[in-house]
Every structure is written in structure tokens, then in C-alpha cells.
N, C-alpha and C. Protein backbone atom coordinates (compact mmCIF):
# COMPACT_ATOMS: atom_id res chain seq x y z
N MET A 1 -24.56 1.25 -69.40
CA MET A 1 -25.08 0.84 -67.83
C MET A 1 -23.55 0.88 -67.33
N SER A 2 -23.48 1.33 -65.96
CA SER A 2 -22.33 1.01 -65.03
C SER A 2 -22.37 0.17 -64.11
N GLU A 3 -20.96 -0.75 -63.51
CA GLU A 3 -20.46 -1.61 -62.82
C GLU A 3 -21.71 -1.85 -61.51
N SER A 4 -22.28 -0.03 -61.31
CA SER A 4 -22.71 -0.03 -59.43
C SER A 4 -24.09 -0.47 -60.05
N ASP A 5 -24.77 -0.37 -61.52
CA ASP A 5 -26.03 -1.02 -61.33
C ASP A 5 -26.01 -2.58 -61.15
N TYR A 6 -25.00 -3.25 -60.86
CA TYR A 6 -25.17 -4.63 -60.47
C TYR A 6 -23.76 -5.04 -59.19
N PRO A 7 -24.38 -5.07 -58.45
CA PRO A 7 -23.87 -5.05 -57.14
C PRO A 7 -22.95 -6.30 -56.91
N ASP A 8 -21.44 -6.39 -56.40
CA ASP A 8 -20.53 -7.66 -56.27
C ASP A 8 -21.67 -8.78 -55.41
N ASP A 9 -22.23 -8.14 -54.77
CA ASP A 9 -22.47 -8.72 -53.46
C ASP A 9 -23.61 -9.70 -53.45
N LEU A 10 -24.25 -9.66 -54.77
CA LEU A 10 -25.37 -10.26 -55.20
C LEU A 10 -25.39 -11.10 -55.72
N LEU A 11 -26.44 -12.45 -56.12
CA LEU A 11 -26.41 -13.17 -57.07
C LEU A 11 -27.34 -12.76 -57.80
N TYR A 12 -27.62 -13.60 -59.58
CA TYR A 12 -28.20 -12.79 -59.84
C TYR A 12 -29.35 -14.12 -60.62
N HIS A 13 -30.33 -14.35 -60.99
CA HIS A 13 -30.66 -14.90 -62.03
C HIS A 13 -30.90 -14.54 -63.40
N PRO A 14 -31.01 -15.35 -64.48
CA PRO A 14 -30.96 -14.86 -66.02
C PRO A 14 -32.33 -13.90 -65.81
N ASP A 15 -33.28 -14.25 -65.43
CA ASP A 15 -34.27 -13.53 -65.43
C ASP A 15 -34.42 -12.36 -65.53
N HIS A 16 -33.43 -11.73 -64.47
CA HIS A 16 -33.11 -10.36 -64.40
C HIS A 16 -33.88 -9.97 -63.09
N ASP A 17 -33.57 -10.99 -62.02
CA ASP A 17 -34.07 -11.27 -60.49
C ASP A 17 -32.48 -11.17 -59.71
N TRP A 18 -32.22 -10.21 -58.75
CA TRP A 18 -31.33 -10.74 -57.67
C TRP A 18 -31.66 -11.46 -56.13
N VAL A 19 -30.65 -11.61 -55.54
CA VAL A 19 -30.57 -12.41 -54.55
C VAL A 19 -29.75 -12.10 -53.37
N ARG A 20 -30.12 -11.81 -52.30
CA ARG A 20 -28.72 -11.10 -51.78
C ARG A 20 -29.11 -12.28 -50.09
N VAL A 21 -27.79 -13.81 -49.96
CA VAL A 21 -28.35 -14.68 -49.04
C VAL A 21 -27.33 -14.12 -47.71
N GLU A 22 -27.98 -14.67 -46.82
CA GLU A 22 -27.09 -13.84 -45.74
C GLU A 22 -27.79 -15.22 -44.54
N GLY A 23 -27.18 -15.88 -44.34
CA GLY A 23 -27.12 -17.33 -43.65
C GLY A 23 -28.08 -18.13 -44.41
N ASP A 24 -29.55 -18.66 -43.47
CA ASP A 24 -30.02 -19.80 -44.46
C ASP A 24 -31.38 -18.92 -45.13
N GLN A 25 -31.41 -17.51 -44.80
CA GLN A 25 -32.39 -16.24 -45.49
C GLN A 25 -31.87 -16.05 -47.12
N ALA A 26 -32.20 -15.57 -47.84
CA ALA A 26 -32.35 -14.58 -48.44
C ALA A 26 -33.35 -13.81 -48.98
N THR A 27 -32.95 -12.78 -49.45
CA THR A 27 -33.56 -11.52 -49.86
C THR A 27 -33.43 -11.32 -51.33
N PHE A 28 -34.85 -11.29 -51.94
CA PHE A 28 -34.99 -11.28 -53.30
C PHE A 28 -35.49 -9.52 -54.08
N GLY A 29 -35.29 -9.44 -55.13
CA GLY A 29 -35.39 -7.95 -55.83
C GLY A 29 -35.30 -8.31 -57.45
N ILE A 30 -35.72 -7.55 -58.05
CA ILE A 30 -35.63 -7.29 -59.53
C ILE A 30 -34.56 -6.39 -59.53
N THR A 31 -33.69 -6.53 -61.03
CA THR A 31 -32.34 -6.27 -61.21
C THR A 31 -32.88 -4.50 -61.79
N TRP A 32 -31.89 -3.74 -61.60
CA TRP A 32 -31.74 -2.07 -62.45
C TRP A 32 -32.02 -2.54 -63.67
N TYR A 33 -31.90 -3.74 -64.40
CA TYR A 33 -32.23 -3.71 -65.72
C TYR A 33 -33.51 -4.00 -66.15
N ALA A 34 -34.15 -5.05 -64.93
CA ALA A 34 -35.60 -5.32 -64.82
C ALA A 34 -36.54 -4.01 -64.95
N GLN A 35 -36.07 -3.42 -63.74
CA GLN A 35 -37.14 -1.80 -63.81
C GLN A 35 -37.08 -1.22 -64.70
N ASP A 36 -35.89 -1.05 -65.18
CA ASP A 36 -35.98 -0.37 -66.14
C ASP A 36 -36.27 -0.26 -67.98
N SER A 37 -35.97 -1.49 -67.55
CA SER A 37 -37.38 -1.80 -68.94
C SER A 37 -38.98 -1.87 -68.58
N LEU A 38 -39.07 -2.14 -67.07
CA LEU A 38 -40.62 -2.48 -66.92
C LEU A 38 -41.10 -0.92 -67.10
N GLY A 39 -40.19 0.42 -66.72
CA GLY A 39 -40.28 1.50 -66.72
C GLY A 39 -41.35 2.19 -65.08
N GLU A 40 -42.18 2.70 -64.90
CA GLU A 40 -43.06 3.20 -63.31
C GLU A 40 -43.40 1.92 -63.38
N VAL A 41 -42.68 1.81 -62.24
CA VAL A 41 -43.85 0.48 -61.33
C VAL A 41 -44.62 0.84 -60.33
N VAL A 42 -46.05 0.70 -60.83
CA VAL A 42 -47.09 1.07 -59.95
C VAL A 42 -47.69 0.35 -58.99
N PHE A 43 -47.45 -1.04 -59.26
CA PHE A 43 -48.12 -2.15 -57.85
C PHE A 43 -47.11 -3.24 -58.23
N PHE A 44 -47.04 -4.06 -56.73
CA PHE A 44 -46.57 -4.99 -56.61
C PHE A 44 -47.45 -6.06 -55.74
N ASN A 45 -47.70 -6.98 -56.53
CA ASN A 45 -48.76 -7.82 -55.88
C ASN A 45 -47.56 -8.47 -55.00
N ALA A 46 -47.90 -8.46 -53.49
CA ALA A 46 -47.34 -9.51 -52.68
C ALA A 46 -47.63 -10.78 -52.44
N PRO A 47 -46.67 -11.71 -52.33
CA PRO A 47 -47.00 -12.99 -51.86
C PRO A 47 -47.64 -12.66 -50.22
N ALA A 48 -47.75 -14.11 -49.71
CA ALA A 48 -48.51 -13.94 -48.29
C ALA A 48 -47.10 -14.75 -47.45
N VAL A 49 -46.71 -14.37 -46.05
CA VAL A 49 -45.72 -14.72 -45.37
C VAL A 49 -46.14 -16.31 -45.10
N GLY A 50 -45.39 -17.01 -45.40
CA GLY A 50 -45.93 -18.28 -44.96
C GLY A 50 -46.20 -19.14 -46.28
N ASP A 51 -45.85 -18.46 -47.46
CA ASP A 51 -46.23 -19.36 -48.71
C ASP A 51 -44.78 -19.88 -49.45
N THR A 52 -44.64 -20.54 -49.74
CA THR A 52 -43.36 -21.58 -50.64
C THR A 52 -43.03 -20.97 -51.99
N VAL A 53 -42.25 -20.57 -52.30
CA VAL A 53 -41.69 -20.29 -53.54
C VAL A 53 -40.78 -21.22 -54.05
N ASN A 54 -40.85 -21.89 -55.29
CA ASN A 54 -39.97 -22.38 -56.39
C ASN A 54 -39.31 -21.98 -56.89
N ALA A 55 -37.80 -22.45 -57.04
CA ALA A 55 -36.82 -21.39 -57.89
C ALA A 55 -37.16 -22.04 -59.41
N GLY A 56 -37.23 -20.69 -59.86
CA GLY A 56 -37.71 -20.87 -61.23
C GLY A 56 -39.36 -20.60 -61.82
N GLU A 57 -40.00 -20.19 -60.28
CA GLU A 57 -41.21 -20.18 -61.08
C GLU A 57 -41.67 -18.96 -60.29
N PRO A 58 -42.84 -18.35 -61.01
CA PRO A 58 -43.29 -17.02 -60.30
C PRO A 58 -43.84 -17.26 -59.05
N TYR A 59 -43.58 -16.13 -58.15
CA TYR A 59 -44.33 -16.20 -57.00
C TYR A 59 -45.02 -14.61 -56.91
N SER A 60 -44.81 -14.04 -57.60
CA SER A 60 -46.04 -12.15 -57.65
C SER A 60 -45.86 -11.60 -58.99
N GLU A 61 -46.12 -10.71 -58.90
CA GLU A 61 -46.49 -9.68 -60.62
C GLU A 61 -46.03 -8.00 -59.74
N VAL A 62 -45.10 -7.62 -60.43
CA VAL A 62 -44.97 -6.34 -60.29
C VAL A 62 -45.77 -5.91 -61.79
N GLU A 63 -46.42 -4.42 -61.63
CA GLU A 63 -47.57 -3.90 -62.77
C GLU A 63 -47.10 -2.17 -62.78
N SER A 64 -46.71 -2.30 -63.93
CA SER A 64 -45.59 -0.76 -64.44
C SER A 64 -46.55 -0.19 -65.49
N VAL A 65 -46.43 0.67 -65.80
CA VAL A 65 -46.76 1.72 -66.30
C VAL A 65 -47.01 1.02 -67.85
N LYS A 66 -45.97 0.21 -67.89
CA LYS A 66 -46.23 -0.16 -69.73
C LYS A 66 -46.75 -2.07 -69.18
N ALA A 67 -46.21 -2.52 -68.53
CA ALA A 67 -47.05 -4.08 -68.63
C ALA A 67 -47.01 -4.48 -67.00
N VAL A 68 -47.66 -5.80 -67.30
CA VAL A 68 -47.59 -6.51 -66.23
C VAL A 68 -46.84 -7.67 -66.13
N SER A 69 -45.91 -8.39 -65.50
CA SER A 69 -44.67 -9.18 -65.65
C SER A 69 -44.79 -9.60 -64.28
N ASP A 70 -43.85 -11.17 -64.62
CA ASP A 70 -44.36 -12.29 -63.66
C ASP A 70 -42.87 -11.96 -62.98
N VAL A 71 -42.82 -12.08 -61.55
CA VAL A 71 -41.36 -12.19 -60.99
C VAL A 71 -41.30 -13.76 -60.41
N LEU A 72 -40.12 -13.94 -60.60
CA LEU A 72 -39.66 -15.20 -60.48
C LEU A 72 -38.92 -15.60 -59.43
N ALA A 73 -39.27 -16.83 -59.16
CA ALA A 73 -37.93 -17.01 -57.61
C ALA A 73 -36.69 -17.29 -57.96
N PRO A 74 -35.33 -16.41 -57.82
CA PRO A 74 -34.24 -17.44 -58.52
C PRO A 74 -33.99 -18.68 -57.18
N LEU A 75 -34.52 -18.95 -56.20
CA LEU A 75 -34.38 -19.83 -55.25
C LEU A 75 -35.85 -20.14 -54.29
N SER A 76 -35.38 -21.65 -54.13
CA SER A 76 -36.82 -21.92 -53.18
C SER A 76 -36.88 -21.82 -51.55
N GLY A 77 -38.02 -21.90 -51.32
CA GLY A 77 -38.07 -21.64 -49.73
C GLY A 77 -39.10 -20.87 -49.30
N GLU A 78 -39.23 -20.99 -47.70
CA GLU A 78 -40.97 -20.68 -47.18
C GLU A 78 -40.42 -18.95 -47.15
N ILE A 79 -41.63 -17.77 -47.35
CA ILE A 79 -41.41 -16.99 -47.35
C ILE A 79 -41.42 -16.67 -46.17
N VAL A 80 -40.37 -15.06 -45.48
CA VAL A 80 -40.72 -14.83 -43.64
C VAL A 80 -41.20 -13.35 -44.14
N GLU A 81 -40.78 -12.42 -45.13
CA GLU A 81 -41.18 -10.91 -44.96
C GLU A 81 -41.49 -10.82 -46.06
N VAL A 82 -42.35 -10.31 -46.31
CA VAL A 82 -42.91 -9.04 -47.65
C VAL A 82 -42.53 -7.40 -47.18
N ASN A 83 -41.86 -6.90 -48.39
CA ASN A 83 -41.72 -5.53 -48.02
C ASN A 83 -42.97 -4.55 -47.98
N GLY A 84 -43.30 -4.57 -47.00
CA GLY A 84 -45.02 -3.84 -46.81
C GLY A 84 -44.48 -2.18 -47.36
N ALA A 85 -43.15 -1.36 -47.30
CA ALA A 85 -43.26 -0.24 -47.61
C ALA A 85 -44.14 -0.33 -49.45
N LEU A 86 -43.56 -1.41 -50.06
CA LEU A 86 -43.82 -0.87 -51.59
C LEU A 86 -45.55 -0.91 -51.80
N VAL A 87 -46.84 -1.72 -50.80
CA VAL A 87 -47.94 -1.37 -50.75
C VAL A 87 -47.89 -0.40 -51.40
N ASP A 88 -47.22 1.01 -50.08
CA ASP A 88 -48.28 2.86 -50.75
C ASP A 88 -46.99 2.97 -51.40
N ASN A 89 -46.11 2.30 -51.70
CA ASN A 89 -44.97 2.99 -52.27
C ASN A 89 -44.20 2.11 -53.22
N PRO A 90 -44.31 1.50 -54.28
CA PRO A 90 -44.17 0.59 -55.43
C PRO A 90 -42.91 1.27 -55.94
N GLU A 91 -42.87 2.75 -56.26
CA GLU A 91 -41.94 3.37 -56.99
C GLU A 91 -40.61 3.02 -56.43
N LEU A 92 -40.55 2.28 -55.17
CA LEU A 92 -38.94 2.19 -54.25
C LEU A 92 -38.50 1.05 -55.36
N VAL A 93 -39.04 0.61 -56.28
CA VAL A 93 -38.37 -0.52 -56.83
C VAL A 93 -37.66 0.25 -57.70
N ASN A 94 -38.22 1.20 -58.40
CA ASN A 94 -37.49 2.03 -59.67
C ASN A 94 -36.28 2.93 -58.80
N ASP A 95 -36.85 3.35 -57.76
CA ASP A 95 -35.66 4.42 -57.02
C ASP A 95 -34.41 3.60 -56.15
N ASP A 96 -34.69 2.40 -55.89
CA ASP A 96 -33.60 1.94 -54.85
C ASP A 96 -33.62 0.54 -55.04
N PRO A 97 -33.64 -0.37 -56.25
CA PRO A 97 -33.48 -1.76 -56.35
C PRO A 97 -33.49 -3.05 -55.65
N TYR A 98 -31.93 -2.45 -55.29
CA TYR A 98 -31.12 -2.94 -54.49
C TYR A 98 -31.09 -2.47 -52.79
N GLY A 99 -31.67 -1.79 -52.81
CA GLY A 99 -32.08 -1.36 -51.16
C GLY A 99 -33.49 -1.20 -50.24
N ASP A 100 -34.49 -0.12 -50.69
CA ASP A 100 -35.86 -0.11 -49.81
C ASP A 100 -36.59 -1.00 -50.81
N GLY A 101 -35.87 -1.18 -52.27
CA GLY A 101 -36.74 -1.46 -53.44
C GLY A 101 -36.89 -3.21 -53.52
N TRP A 102 -36.23 -3.58 -51.95
CA TRP A 102 -36.49 -5.51 -52.01
C TRP A 102 -37.99 -6.03 -51.83
N LEU A 103 -38.18 -6.78 -52.22
CA LEU A 103 -39.38 -8.20 -53.41
C LEU A 103 -40.05 -8.32 -51.49
N ILE A 104 -39.20 -9.60 -51.18
CA ILE A 104 -39.45 -10.56 -50.03
C ILE A 104 -38.13 -11.32 -49.30
N ARG A 105 -38.76 -11.94 -48.34
CA ARG A 105 -37.27 -12.72 -47.82
C ARG A 105 -37.82 -14.24 -47.47
N ILE A 106 -37.05 -15.03 -47.79
CA ILE A 106 -37.58 -16.52 -47.37
C ILE A 106 -36.44 -16.74 -46.45
N LYS A 107 -37.23 -18.33 -46.23
CA LYS A 107 -35.51 -19.07 -45.39
C LYS A 107 -35.54 -20.61 -46.36
N LEU A 108 -34.27 -20.58 -46.79
CA LEU A 108 -33.95 -20.94 -47.85
C LEU A 108 -33.70 -22.85 -47.79
N SER A 109 -34.80 -23.19 -48.83
CA SER A 109 -34.83 -24.92 -47.99
C SER A 109 -34.04 -25.56 -48.83
N ASP A 110 -33.20 -24.80 -50.04
CA ASP A 110 -32.36 -25.75 -50.77
C ASP A 110 -30.82 -25.02 -50.72
N PRO A 111 -30.31 -24.62 -49.99
CA PRO A 111 -28.95 -24.05 -50.27
C PRO A 111 -28.11 -24.10 -51.45
N SER A 112 -28.11 -24.88 -51.88
CA SER A 112 -27.10 -25.78 -52.86
C SER A 112 -27.52 -25.04 -54.26
N GLU A 113 -29.34 -24.47 -54.38
CA GLU A 113 -29.49 -23.69 -55.54
C GLU A 113 -28.84 -22.67 -56.09
N GLN A 114 -28.19 -22.11 -55.22
CA GLN A 114 -27.38 -21.10 -55.21
C GLN A 114 -26.40 -20.92 -56.51
N ASP A 115 -25.75 -22.33 -56.19
CA ASP A 115 -24.77 -22.27 -57.20
C ASP A 115 -24.93 -21.92 -59.07
N SER A 116 -26.43 -22.17 -59.30
CA SER A 116 -26.71 -21.83 -60.48
C SER A 116 -27.04 -20.60 -61.03
N LEU A 117 -26.69 -20.08 -59.84
CA LEU A 117 -27.02 -18.02 -59.99
C LEU A 117 -26.16 -17.50 -60.66
N LEU A 118 -25.81 -16.46 -60.99
CA LEU A 118 -24.80 -15.89 -61.89
C LEU A 118 -23.99 -14.74 -60.81
N ASP A 119 -23.10 -14.59 -61.13
CA ASP A 119 -21.88 -13.36 -60.46
C ASP A 119 -22.21 -12.12 -60.71
N SER A 120 -21.94 -10.97 -60.41
CA SER A 120 -22.20 -9.68 -61.61
C SER A 120 -22.01 -9.61 -62.65
N SER A 121 -20.71 -10.09 -62.75
CA SER A 121 -19.45 -10.11 -64.28
C SER A 121 -20.56 -11.19 -65.53
N ALA A 122 -21.16 -12.63 -64.43
CA ALA A 122 -21.38 -13.18 -65.63
C ALA A 122 -23.20 -12.77 -65.70
N TYR A 123 -23.72 -12.03 -65.00
CA TYR A 123 -25.33 -11.28 -65.52
C TYR A 123 -25.03 -10.64 -66.23
N THR A 124 -23.88 -9.56 -66.30
CA THR A 124 -23.71 -8.28 -66.98
C THR A 124 -23.19 -8.57 -68.52
N ALA A 125 -23.03 -9.51 -68.93
CA ALA A 125 -22.65 -10.16 -70.19
C ALA A 125 -23.37 -11.00 -70.92
N THR A 126 -25.01 -10.86 -70.50
CA THR A 126 -26.27 -11.71 -70.69
C THR A 126 -26.55 -10.55 -71.10
N LEU A 127 -26.53 -8.86 -70.96
CA LEU A 127 -27.32 -8.25 -70.92
C LEU A 127 -26.69 -7.51 -72.26
N GLU A 128 -25.65 -8.21 -72.74
CA GLU A 128 -24.86 -7.49 -74.06
C GLU A 128 -25.45 -7.85 -75.21
């Protein structure tokens, strides 16, 4: 694995989820490691806008040719946007996990939860 697989501008949850915080909102996705372990993603069970997610709890499922996996929320808040492109193109999670393959955006309810997340170096150390 190369460092480019884990961008430095993101925060990471030990369960292989990433977060991009922008002001009072955060975008979630799964890491390169997670999508690689899953194999070809064939379905994203999108939650609804307006739903609340809680840090450390499942908010969705990603189905691959290998398995169905829960996706855990790295932070808490209200869902303000779901990546609709994944309905017809779930493979975007594999093709571009940190770009077009993002999953949801939330309005943060407790920004201090970010303190419990990992930077890219700490996250990659958990993979060794």
C-alpha cells in the first residue's frame, strides 16, 4: 500500500471509515483498505436524508460480491446528503473511495468527537 491510499487531509475511524470535516459538516466514506477487502461493491443501502447517525453505530450497509458489511458512523449528526450516484454506480466506492465514492454528508452534532479519530499515519499503523 502507498501513502496515497490514505489522504492526509482526512480523519479515520479504526473500523475503516474516513471523514472529511468542512465547517459544521462532515463527509463519510470507506477507506481504500475497506473497499479492497470487500471486493467489487454492487450495492449501497443508502440511509435517508434527515436520519440521525451516532458515532460507532451502523448507519448503512455496503454489499459486495463477497459479503454484506455494516458501515459505522465515525461521528454523530443528522444526514444532510446521500451520494445518489451510488444507486446506479456503486462501483464508484471501489474506483474512487475518497472522491466520487463518498457515502453521506452530515451536520455534526458533537464536533469534539473528532478528537477520537485517527490521522492517516495512526490509521495506517493499525493495518500493519
